[in-house]
C-alpha atoms as a PDB file:
ATOM      1  CA  MET A   1      22.125  -2.758  24.549  1.00  0.00           C
ATOM      2  CA  LEU A   2      18.775  -0.277  24.844  1.00  0.00           C
ATOM      3  CA  GLU A   3      18.821   1.642  21.957  1.00  0.00           C
ATOM      4  CA  LEU A   4      18.468  -2.063  20.531  1.00  0.00           C
ATOM      5  CA  LEU A   5      15.056  -1.742  21.848  1.00  0.00           C
ATOM      6  CA  LEU A   6      14.128   1.139  20.758  1.00  0.00           C
ATOM      7  CA  ILE A   7      12.804  -0.059  17.481  1.00  0.00           C
ATOM      8  CA  PRO A   8      10.858  -3.213  18.803  1.00  0.00           C
ATOM      9  CA  VAL A   9       9.458  -1.174  21.322  1.00  0.00           C
ATOM     10  CA  LEU A  10       7.997   1.451  18.923  1.00  0.00           C
ATOM     11  CA  ILE A  11       6.342  -1.005  16.899  1.00  0.00           C
ATOM     12  CA  ILE A  12       4.936  -2.258  19.641  1.00  0.00           C
ATOM     13  CA  LEU A  13       3.935   0.815  20.874  1.00  0.00           C
ATOM     14  CA  SER A  14       2.923   1.737  17.356  1.00  0.00           C
ATOM     15  CA  PHE A  15       0.284  -1.403  17.094  1.00  0.00           C
ATOM     16  CA  LEU A  16      -1.332  -1.222  20.462  1.00  0.00           C
ATOM     17  CA  TYR A  17      -1.869   3.130  19.662  1.00  0.00           C
ATOM     18  CA  VAL A  18      -3.249   1.651  16.020  1.00  0.00           C
ATOM     19  CA  LYS A  19      -5.726  -0.770  18.535  1.00  0.00           C
ATOM     20  CA  PHE A  20      -6.752   1.644  20.793  1.00  0.00           C
ATOM     21  CA  LYS A  21      -7.322   4.727  19.005  1.00  0.00           C
ATOM     22  CA  LYS A  22      -8.616   3.644  15.575  1.00  0.00           C
ATOM     23  CA  ALA A  23      -5.563   5.424  13.713  1.00  0.00           C
ATOM     24  CA  TYR A  24      -3.889   4.524  10.670  1.00  0.00           C
ATOM     25  CA  LEU A  25      -0.628   2.222  10.942  1.00  0.00           C
ATOM     26  CA  THR A  26       0.545   4.319   7.636  1.00  0.00           C
ATOM     27  CA  GLN A  27       0.553   7.164   9.892  1.00  0.00           C
ATOM     28  CA  VAL A  28       1.860   5.175  12.968  1.00  0.00           C
ATOM     29  CA  LEU A  29       4.635   3.603  10.632  1.00  0.00           C
ATOM     30  CA  ILE A  30       5.684   7.256   9.251  1.00  0.00           C
ATOM     31  CA  ILE A  31       5.530   8.648  12.872  1.00  0.00           C
ATOM     32  CA  ALA A  32       7.845   5.526  14.286  1.00  0.00           C
ATOM     33  CA  ASN A  33       9.945   6.020  11.245  1.00  0.00           C
ATOM     34  CA  PHE A  34      10.972   9.755  12.082  1.00  0.00           C
ATOM     35  CA  ALA A  35      11.198   8.921  15.634  1.00  0.00           C
ATOM     36  CA  VAL A  36      13.889   6.330  15.199  1.00  0.00           C
ATOM     37  CA  PHE A  37      16.276   8.953  12.876  1.00  0.00           C
ATOM     38  CA  ILE A  38      15.671  11.893  15.112  1.00  0.00           C
ATOM     39  CA  PHE A  39      16.957   9.349  18.081  1.00  0.00           C
ATOM     40  CA  TYR A  40      19.624   8.540  15.720  1.00  0.00           C
ATOM     41  CA  VAL A  41      20.905  11.839  15.279  1.00  0.00           C
ATOM     42  CA  VAL A  42      20.281  13.089  18.848  1.00  0.00           C
ATOM     43  CA  VAL A  43      23.247  10.705  19.716  1.00  0.00           C
ATOM     44  CA  ALA A  44      25.440  10.385  16.945  1.00  0.00           C
ATOM     45  CA  GLN A  45      25.829  14.529  17.697  1.00  0.00           C
ATOM     46  CA  ILE A  46      26.255  14.327  21.415  1.00  0.00           C
ATOM     47  CA  GLY A  47      28.958  11.757  20.319  1.00  0.00           C
ATOM     48  CA  SER A  48      27.121   8.489  22.315  1.00  0.00           C
ATOM     49  CA  PRO A  49      28.422   5.317  21.618  1.00  0.00           C
ATOM     50  CA  MET A  50      24.277   3.753  21.159  1.00  0.00           C
ATOM     51  CA  ALA A  51      24.736   5.931  17.766  1.00  0.00           C
ATOM     52  CA  TYR A  52      27.395   3.112  16.421  1.00  0.00           C
ATOM     53  CA  SER A  53      25.788  -0.120  17.995  1.00  0.00           C
ATOM     54  CA  MET A  54      22.277   1.321  15.792  1.00  0.00           C
ATOM     55  CA  ALA A  55      24.238   1.739  13.022  1.00  0.00           C
ATOM     56  CA  GLU A  56      26.028  -1.937  13.158  1.00  0.00           C
ATOM     57  CA  ASN A  57      23.249  -4.102  14.887  1.00  0.00           C
ATOM     58  CA  LEU A  58      19.601  -2.384  13.515  1.00  0.00           C
ATOM     59  CA  THR A  59      20.653  -2.269   9.947  1.00  0.00           C
ATOM     60  CA  PHE A  60      20.638  -5.913   8.037  1.00  0.00           C
ATOM     61  CA  MET A  61      24.259  -7.083   6.623  1.00  0.00           C
ATOM     62  CA  PRO A  62      24.120 -10.406   4.856  1.00  0.00           C
ATOM     63  CA  ALA A  63      27.521 -11.818   5.978  1.00  0.00           C
ATOM     64  CA  ARG A  64      26.481 -11.726   9.515  1.00  0.00           C
ATOM     65  CA  LEU A  65      22.738 -13.057   9.028  1.00  0.00           C
ATOM     66  CA  GLY A  66      24.490 -16.406  10.340  1.00  0.00           C
ATOM     67  CA  GLU A  67      24.466 -15.049  13.998  1.00  0.00           C
ATOM     68  CA  ILE A  68      21.073 -15.572  15.942  1.00  0.00           C
ATOM     69  CA  GLN A  69      21.516 -12.848  17.944  1.00  0.00           C
ATOM     70  CA  TYR A  70      21.387 -10.325  14.786  1.00  0.00           C
ATOM     71  CA  LEU A  71      18.236 -11.667  12.760  1.00  0.00           C
ATOM     72  CA  PRO A  72      15.918  -9.076  14.170  1.00  0.00           C
ATOM     73  CA  SER A  73      17.864  -6.714  11.901  1.00  0.00           C
ATOM     74  CA  ILE A  74      15.577  -8.556   9.343  1.00  0.00           C
ATOM     75  CA  ILE A  75      13.190  -5.839  11.028  1.00  0.00           C
ATOM     76  CA  THR A  76      14.767  -3.536  11.913  1.00  0.00           C
ATOM     77  CA  SER A  77      16.379  -2.019   9.354  1.00  0.00           C
ATOM     78  CA  MET A  78      13.248  -1.445   8.010  1.00  0.00           C
ATOM     79  CA  PHE A  79      13.503   1.694  10.859  1.00  0.00           C
ATOM     80  CA  MET A  80      16.615   2.886   9.979  1.00  0.00           C
ATOM     81  CA  HIS A  81      17.483   5.435   7.280  1.00  0.00           C
ATOM     82  CA  ALA A  82      20.915   7.123   5.812  1.00  0.00           C
ATOM     83  CA  ASP A  83      19.822  10.643   5.421  1.00  0.00           C
ATOM     84  CA  PRO A  84      17.024  12.972   5.987  1.00  0.00           C
ATOM     85  CA  ILE A  85      16.130  12.786   1.796  1.00  0.00           C
ATOM     86  CA  HIS A  86      16.426   9.117   2.178  1.00  0.00           C
ATOM     87  CA  LEU A  87      13.519   9.673   4.896  1.00  0.00           C
ATOM     88  CA  ILE A  88      10.988  11.631   3.743  1.00  0.00           C
ATOM     89  CA  GLY A  89      11.325  10.374   0.470  1.00  0.00           C
ATOM     90  CA  ASN A  90      10.051   7.030   1.545  1.00  0.00           C
ATOM     91  CA  CYS A  91       7.588   8.206   4.457  1.00  0.00           C
ATOM     92  CA  LEU A  92       5.833  10.805   1.479  1.00  0.00           C
ATOM     93  CA  VAL A  93       5.959   7.416  -1.273  1.00  0.00           C
ATOM     94  CA  LEU A  94       4.467   5.385   2.072  1.00  0.00           C
ATOM     95  CA  TYR A  95       1.392   7.922   3.110  1.00  0.00           C
ATOM     96  CA  LEU A  96      -0.031   8.449  -0.936  1.00  0.00           C
ATOM     97  CA  ILE A  97       0.802   4.929  -1.603  1.00  0.00           C
ATOM     98  CA  GLY A  98      -0.052   3.098   1.840  1.00  0.00           C
ATOM     99  CA  LEU A  99      -2.639   5.566   3.027  1.00  0.00           C
ATOM    100  CA  PRO A 100      -5.202   4.282   0.153  1.00  0.00           C
ATOM    101  CA  LEU A 101      -4.227   0.863   0.164  1.00  0.00           C
ATOM    102  CA  GLU A 102      -4.900   0.764   4.013  1.00  0.00           C
ATOM    103  CA  GLU A 103      -8.872   2.446   3.063  1.00  0.00           C
ATOM    104  CA  ARG A 104      -9.384  -0.486   1.478  1.00  0.00           C
ATOM    105  CA  ILE A 105      -8.490  -3.363   2.443  1.00  0.00           C
ATOM    106  CA  GLY A 106      -7.943  -2.916   6.775  1.00  0.00           C
ATOM    107  CA  THR A 107      -5.104  -2.174   9.070  1.00  0.00           C
ATOM    108  CA  ARG A 108      -4.582  -5.621  10.008  1.00  0.00           C
ATOM    109  CA  LYS A 109      -4.025  -7.319   6.006  1.00  0.00           C
ATOM    110  CA  TRP A 110      -2.441  -3.947   5.072  1.00  0.00           C
ATOM    111  CA  GLY A 111       0.315  -4.178   8.206  1.00  0.00           C
ATOM    112  CA  ILE A 112       1.258  -7.831   6.953  1.00  0.00           C
ATOM    113  CA  ILE A 113       1.322  -6.974   4.096  1.00  0.00           C
ATOM    114  CA  TYR A 114       3.925  -4.174   4.679  1.00  0.00           C
ATOM    115  CA  PHE A 115       6.160  -6.551   7.003  1.00  0.00           C
ATOM    116  CA  ALA A 116       6.138  -9.593   4.753  1.00  0.00           C
ATOM    117  CA  THR A 117       6.940  -8.227   1.884  1.00  0.00           C
ATOM    118  CA  GLY A 118       9.954  -5.813   4.040  1.00  0.00           C
ATOM    119  CA  ILE A 119      11.036  -9.266   4.822  1.00  0.00           C
ATOM    120  CA  ALA A 120      10.716 -10.647   1.161  1.00  0.00           C
ATOM    121  CA  ALA A 121      12.653  -7.368   0.238  1.00  0.00           C
ATOM    122  CA  THR A 122      15.365  -7.607   1.961  1.00  0.00           C
ATOM    123  CA  PHE A 123      15.875 -11.918   1.348  1.00  0.00           C
ATOM    124  CA  SER A 124      15.886 -10.856  -1.854  1.00  0.00           C
ATOM    125  CA  TYR A 125      18.995  -8.583  -1.411  1.00  0.00           C
ATOM    126  CA  TYR A 126      21.110 -11.262   0.659  1.00  0.00           C
ATOM    127  CA  ILE A 127      20.228 -13.835  -2.281  1.00  0.00           C
ATOM    128  CA  MET A 128      22.315 -11.654  -4.229  1.00  0.00           C
ATOM    129  CA  ASN A 129      24.457 -10.818  -1.804  1.00  0.00           C
ATOM    130  CA  ILE A 130      25.627 -13.387   0.483  1.00  0.00           C
ATOM    131  CA  ASP A 131      29.009 -12.795   1.675  1.00  0.00           C
ATOM    132  CA  SER A 132      28.480  -8.630   1.333  1.00  0.00           C
ATOM    133  CA  GLY A 133      29.903  -6.076   4.932  1.00  0.00           C
ATOM    134  CA  SER A 134      27.396  -3.533   3.107  1.00  0.00           C
ATOM    135  CA  HIS A 135      24.524  -2.283   5.514  1.00  0.00           C
ATOM    136  CA  LEU A 136      20.534  -2.280   4.174  1.00  0.00           C
ATOM    137  CA  LEU A 137      18.763  -0.125   5.155  1.00  0.00           C
ATOM    138  CA  GLY A 138      14.955   1.490   4.782  1.00  0.00           C
ATOM    139  CA  ALA A 139      11.592   0.955   4.317  1.00  0.00           C
ATOM    140  CA  SER A 140      11.512   1.053   0.336  1.00  0.00           C
ATOM    141  CA  GLY A 141      11.339  -2.874   0.046  1.00  0.00           C
ATOM    142  CA  ALA A 142       7.981  -2.679   1.818  1.00  0.00           C
ATOM    143  CA  ILE A 143       7.056   0.525   0.314  1.00  0.00           C
ATOM    144  CA  PHE A 144       7.642  -1.435  -3.279  1.00  0.00           C
ATOM    145  CA  GLY A 145       5.724  -4.491  -1.333  1.00  0.00           C
ATOM    146  CA  ILE A 146       2.427  -1.785  -0.438  1.00  0.00           C
ATOM    147  CA  GLY A 147       2.789  -0.549  -4.197  1.00  0.00           C
ATOM    148  CA  GLY A 148       3.148  -4.046  -5.417  1.00  0.00           C
ATOM    149  CA  ALA A 149      -0.186  -4.992  -3.637  1.00  0.00           C
ATOM    150  CA  MET A 150      -1.826  -1.822  -4.926  1.00  0.00           C
ATOM    151  CA  LEU A 151      -1.269  -2.377  -8.842  1.00  0.00           C
ATOM    152  CA  VAL A 152      -2.624  -5.966  -8.782  1.00  0.00           C
ATOM    153  CA  LEU A 153      -5.937  -5.322  -6.446  1.00  0.00           C
ATOM    154  CA  TYR A 154      -6.872  -1.952  -7.819  1.00  0.00           C
ATOM    155  CA  PRO A 155      -5.044  -1.037 -10.806  1.00  0.00           C
ATOM    156  CA  ARG A 156      -7.279   1.895 -12.050  1.00  0.00           C
ATOM    157  CA  ASP A 157      -7.498   3.740  -8.983  1.00  0.00           C
ATOM    158  CA  ARG A 158      -6.154   7.359  -9.016  1.00  0.00           C
ATOM    159  CA  ILE A 159      -3.505   8.416  -6.675  1.00  0.00           C
ATOM    160  CA  PRO A 160      -1.387  11.958  -5.875  1.00  0.00           C
ATOM    161  CA  MET A 161       2.410  10.302  -7.173  1.00  0.00           C
ATOM    162  CA  PHE A 162       5.816  11.578  -7.602  1.00  0.00           C
ATOM    163  CA  ILE A 163       6.828   9.664 -11.086  1.00  0.00           C
ATOM    164  CA  GLY A 164      10.625  10.762 -10.907  1.00  0.00           C
ATOM    165  CA  PRO A 165      10.863  14.590 -10.492  1.00  0.00           C
ATOM    166  CA  ILE A 166       7.418  15.035 -11.431  1.00  0.00           C
ATOM    167  CA  PHE A 167       4.501  15.166  -8.997  1.00  0.00           C
ATOM    168  CA  ILE A 168       0.884  14.168 -10.235  1.00  0.00           C
ATOM    169  CA  ARG A 169      -2.055  14.684  -8.642  1.00  0.00           C
ATOM    170  CA  ASN A 170      -4.494  12.420  -9.908  1.00  0.00           C
ATOM    171  CA  ALA A 171      -2.298   9.020 -11.574  1.00  0.00           C
ATOM    172  CA  PRO A 172      -3.990   5.521 -11.813  1.00  0.00           C
ATOM    173  CA  VAL A 173      -1.896   3.042  -9.900  1.00  0.00           C
ATOM    174  CA  TRP A 174      -0.656   1.100 -12.666  1.00  0.00           C
ATOM    175  CA  LEU A 175       0.730   4.369 -13.771  1.00  0.00           C
ATOM    176  CA  ALA A 176       2.444   5.195 -11.310  1.00  0.00           C
ATOM    177  CA  VAL A 177       3.365   2.235  -9.486  1.00  0.00           C
ATOM    178  CA  GLY A 178       3.829  -0.106 -13.031  1.00  0.00           C
ATOM    179  CA  SER A 179       6.501   3.112 -14.059  1.00  0.00           C
ATOM    180  CA  LEU A 180       8.052   2.254 -10.914  1.00  0.00           C
ATOM    181  CA  PHE A 181       8.339  -1.273 -11.171  1.00  0.00           C
ATOM    182  CA  VAL A 182       9.448  -1.272 -14.433  1.00  0.00           C
ATOM    183  CA  ILE A 183      12.462   1.020 -13.507  1.00  0.00           C
ATOM    184  CA  GLU A 184      13.690  -0.782 -10.715  1.00  0.00           C
ATOM    185  CA  THR A 185      14.170  -3.678 -12.746  1.00  0.00           C
ATOM    186  CA  VAL A 186      15.961  -2.538 -15.368  1.00  0.00           C
ATOM    187  CA  LEU A 187      17.990  -1.071 -13.212  1.00  0.00           C
ATOM    188  CA  VAL A 188      18.775  -4.519 -12.071  1.00  0.00           C
ATOM    189  CA  MET A 189      18.881  -6.061 -15.031  1.00  0.00           C
ATOM    190  CA  MET A 190      21.958  -3.407 -16.272  1.00  0.00           C
ATOM    191  CA  ALA A 191      23.416  -4.418 -12.630  1.00  0.00           C
ATOM    192  CA  VAL A 192      23.099  -0.219 -11.825  1.00  0.00           C
ATOM    193  CA  GLU A 193      25.824   0.082  -8.807  1.00  0.00           C
ATOM    194  CA  ASP A 194      24.390   3.754  -7.511  1.00  0.00           C
ATOM    195  CA  ASN A 195      24.602   2.578  -3.410  1.00  0.00           C
ATOM    196  CA  VAL A 196      20.399   1.939  -4.039  1.00  0.00           C
ATOM    197  CA  ALA A 197      19.490  -1.180  -3.437  1.00  0.00           C
ATOM    198  CA  HIS A 198      17.248  -1.773  -6.435  1.00  0.00           C
ATOM    199  CA  ILE A 199      16.749  -5.953  -6.198  1.00  0.00           C
ATOM    200  CA  ALA A 200      15.071  -5.140  -2.571  1.00  0.00           C
ATOM    201  CA  HIS A 201      12.467  -2.927  -4.156  1.00  0.00           C
ATOM    202  CA  VAL A 202      11.724  -5.376  -6.971  1.00  0.00           C
ATOM    203  CA  GLY A 203      12.029  -8.622  -4.551  1.00  0.00           C
ATOM    204  CA  GLY A 204       9.231  -6.228  -2.564  1.00  0.00           C
ATOM    205  CA  ALA A 205       7.051  -5.523  -5.390  1.00  0.00           C
ATOM    206  CA  MET A 206       7.365  -9.376  -6.388  1.00  0.00           C
ATOM    207  CA  ALA A 207       6.147 -10.284  -2.866  1.00  0.00           C
ATOM    208  CA  GLY A 208       3.297  -8.091  -2.586  1.00  0.00           C
ATOM    209  CA  ILE A 209       2.162  -9.203  -6.355  1.00  0.00           C
ATOM    210  CA  ILE A 210       2.226 -12.721  -5.044  1.00  0.00           C
ATOM    211  CA  LEU A 211       0.609 -11.827  -1.550  1.00  0.00           C
ATOM    212  CA  ALA A 212      -2.209  -9.619  -1.885  1.00  0.00           C
ATOM    213  CA  PRO A 213      -4.350 -11.289  -3.738  1.00  0.00           C
ATOM    214  CA  MET A 214      -3.921 -14.175  -1.586  1.00  0.00           C
ATOM    215  CA  LEU A 215      -5.071 -12.231   1.369  1.00  0.00           C
ATOM    216  CA  VAL A 216      -7.328  -9.872  -0.135  1.00  0.00           C
ATOM    217  CA  LYS A 217      -9.523 -12.837  -1.850  1.00  0.00           C
ATOM    218  CA  HIS A 218     -12.975 -11.346  -0.953  1.00  0.00           C
ATOM    219  CA  GLU A 219     -11.887  -7.772  -1.265  1.00  0.00           C
ATOM    220  CA  LEU A 220     -10.520  -8.903  -5.438  1.00  0.00           C
ATOM    221  CA  ALA A 221     -13.862 -10.674  -6.029  1.00  0.00           C
ATOM    222  CA  GLU A 222     -15.435  -7.639  -5.675  1.00  0.00           C
ATOM    223  CA  ALA A 223     -13.571  -5.664  -7.342  1.00  0.00           C
ATOM    224  CA  ARG A 224     -14.187  -7.872 -10.246  1.00  0.00           C
ATOM    225  CA  LYS A 225     -18.015  -7.517 -10.278  1.00  0.00           C
ATOM    226  CA  VAL A 226     -19.692  -6.712 -13.190  1.00  0.00           C
ATOM    227  CA  LEU A 227     -22.704  -3.996 -13.090  1.00  0.00           C
ATOM    228  CA  ASP A 228     -24.888  -5.806 -14.478  1.00  0.00           C
ATOM    229  CA  ILE A 229     -25.618  -2.743 -16.814  1.00  0.00           C
ATOM    230  CA  ASP A 230     -29.036  -3.992 -18.520  1.00  0.00           C
ATOM    231  CA  VAL A 231     -30.729  -4.165 -15.326  1.00  0.00           C
ATOM    232  CA  LEU A 232     -30.270  -0.549 -14.650  1.00  0.00           C
ATOM    233  CA  ARG A 233     -31.432  -0.151 -18.091  1.00  0.00           C
ATOM    234  CA  SER A 234     -34.524  -1.503 -16.759  1.00  0.00           C
ATOM    235  CA  LEU A 235     -34.927   0.683 -13.922  1.00  0.00           C
ATOM    236  CA  ALA A 236     -34.598   4.135 -15.962  1.00  0.00           C
ATOM    237  CA  THR A 237     -37.807   5.774 -17.177  1.00  0.00           C
ATOM    238  CA  THR A 238     -36.426   8.832 -18.134  1.00  0.00           C
ATOM    239  CA  GLU A 239     -34.553  10.401 -20.578  1.00  0.00           C
ATOM    240  CA  GLU A 240     -31.923  11.573 -17.963  1.00  0.00           C
ATOM    241  CA  GLU A 241     -31.727   8.187 -15.842  1.00  0.00           C
ATOM    242  CA  ARG A 242     -30.784   6.300 -19.185  1.00  0.00           C
ATOM    243  CA  ASP A 243     -28.280   9.040 -19.982  1.00  0.00           C
ATOM    244  CA  ILE A 244     -26.636   8.275 -16.588  1.00  0.00           C
ATOM    245  CA  ILE A 245     -27.035   4.992 -17.175  1.00  0.00           C
ATOM    246  CA  THR A 246     -24.935   5.368 -19.587  1.00  0.00           C
ATOM    247  CA  LYS A 247     -22.061   7.550 -18.050  1.00  0.00           C
ATOM    248  CA  VAL A 248     -21.979   4.452 -15.518  1.00  0.00           C
ATOM    249  CA  GLU A 249     -21.488   2.283 -18.367  1.00  0.00           C
ATOM    250  CA  ASN A 250     -18.360   4.139 -20.034  1.00  0.00           C
ATOM    251  CA  GLU A 251     -16.625   5.044 -16.616  1.00  0.00           C
ATOM    252  CA  GLU A 252     -13.595   3.771 -15.717  1.00  0.00           C
ATOM    253  CA  VAL A 253     -12.542   4.939 -12.168  1.00  0.00           C
ATOM    254  CA  GLU A 254     -14.305   3.635  -9.641  1.00  0.00           C
ATOM    255  CA  ASP A 255     -15.162   6.420  -7.594  1.00  0.00           C
ATOM    256  CA  VAL A 256     -16.813   8.627 -10.288  1.00  0.00           C
ATOM    257  CA  ARG A 257     -18.317   5.977 -11.169  1.00  0.00           C
ATOM    258  CA  ASN A 258     -19.665   5.027  -7.727  1.00  0.00           C
ATOM    259  CA  ALA A 259     -20.817   8.783  -7.782  1.00  0.00           C
ATOM    260  CA  TRP A 260     -23.094   8.355 -10.971  1.00  0.00           C
ATOM    261  CA  LEU A 261     -24.930   5.174  -9.471  1.00  0.00           C
ATOM    262  CA  ASP A 262     -25.281   7.689  -6.657  1.00  0.00           C
ATOM    263  CA  GLN A 263     -26.913  10.245  -8.512  1.00  0.00           C
ATOM    264  CA  PHE A 264     -29.344   7.749 -10.497  1.00  0.00           C
ATOM    265  CA  PHE A 265     -30.597   6.119  -7.185  1.00  0.00           C
ATOM    266  CA  THR A 266     -32.095   9.389  -5.922  1.00  0.00           C
ATOM    267  CA  THR A 267     -34.596   9.536  -8.443  1.00  0.00           C
ATOM    268  CA  ALA A 268     -35.087   5.602  -9.785  1.00  0.00           C
ATOM    269  CA  LYS A 269     -38.122   3.935  -8.955  1.00  0.00           C
ATOM    270  CA  CYS A 270     -39.498   0.636  -9.217  1.00  0.00           C
ATOM    271  CA  PRO A 271     -41.054  -1.071 -11.556  1.00  0.00           C
ATOM    272  CA  ALA A 272     -44.054  -2.749  -9.864  1.00  0.00           C
ATOM    273  CA  CYS A 273     -44.866  -0.198  -7.861  1.00  0.00           C
ATOM    274  CA  SER A 274     -43.028   3.231  -8.644  1.00  0.00           C
ATOM    275  CA  ARG A 275     -41.364   3.510  -4.903  1.00  0.00           C
ATOM    276  CA  LYS A 276     -38.404   4.251  -4.510  1.00  0.00           C
ATOM    277  CA  ILE A 277     -35.757   1.799  -4.351  1.00  0.00           C
ATOM    278  CA  GLN A 278     -32.374   1.135  -2.384  1.00  0.00           C
ATOM    279  CA  ARG A 279     -28.978   0.359  -3.669  1.00  0.00           C
ATOM    280  CA  ALA A 280     -27.311  -2.861  -2.839  1.00  0.00           C
ATOM    281  CA  SER A 281     -25.850  -5.816  -4.083  1.00  0.00           C
ATOM    282  CA  LYS A 282     -29.164  -6.220  -4.693  1.00  0.00           C
ATOM    283  CA  ILE A 283     -32.017  -3.245  -5.640  1.00  0.00           C
ATOM    284  CA  LYS A 284     -34.794  -3.910  -3.014  1.00  0.00           C
ATOM    285  CA  CYS A 285     -38.250  -2.051  -2.954  1.00  0.00           C
ATOM    286  CA  GLU A 286     -40.300  -2.061  -0.226  1.00  0.00           C
ATOM    287  CA  CYS A 287     -42.751  -4.404  -1.857  1.00  0.00           C
ATOM    288  CA  GLY A 288     -40.559  -6.871  -1.931  1.00  0.00           C
ATOM    289  CA  GLN A 289     -38.705  -7.296  -5.309  1.00  0.00           C
ATOM    290  CA  GLU A 290     -35.351  -7.854  -5.637  1.00  0.00           C
ATOM    291  CA  TYR A 291     -33.114  -6.745  -8.968  1.00  0.00           C
ATOM    292  CA  GLY A 292     -29.280  -8.451  -9.221  1.00  0.00           C
ATOM    293  CA  LEU A 293     -26.977  -5.532  -9.602  1.00  0.00           C
ATOM    294  CA  MET A 294     -23.912  -7.386  -9.794  1.00  0.00           C
ATOM    295  CA  LYS A 295     -23.407 -10.345 -12.487  1.00  0.00           C
END
């Protein structure tokens, strides 16, 4: 029975490490997934009965959900993987999508989204396969949940991403994640049977799309605020500054737009006293003047 404590202990240790070492939960969970897989391979190679116990009790089987002692498999199945390709593929996508989102919304909210959407993905599979004796395993449902959250919160952000076999270094989220979501939805509608739980992917993504805006209201509201270009134009006194404001107005990539704004405020001066002004949600000057930057 000791092997059944492996994943719960790893989850607890992961959260403790994140809390006290100020690490990213994304990275720690990737390590935890690799640790579980390596442990399983080792006990399987030496012929230990632990391997059979892990495969039977840590993966999710819809037909066994009524057994109270089997309920933890809803979570533990998210840490079990069928083979190295399954593991590496999931962890790679988790890193590419999960880390940028965790940096934006914080570890606590990210962790809630990850585990909540992973559970939602499992129940999506259960609803469609109530009496099935098949085993559901892998982190992909939760990963699609993170992807759905990223899609609804920051669709124009750019991330490195695999779209099928193609690696794109700087893909917009709406393309990278949106295309995967569309593909999985089509596969579900076509009832494709290829040993992949496509319905869990769709369920996880939908859960992320629904949950993220409720959980990250403040960040979403900030992202939707619009720069008041007229205020910026009133502060531009040189041709170079006016040219920068035009670039800010036309730029759709947030990081690039912020870079142009930073450059603008290295030279911008207060119209009232000609002192250098500081950029914030309101532009402030030492003389007491304030100019609203967002509308």
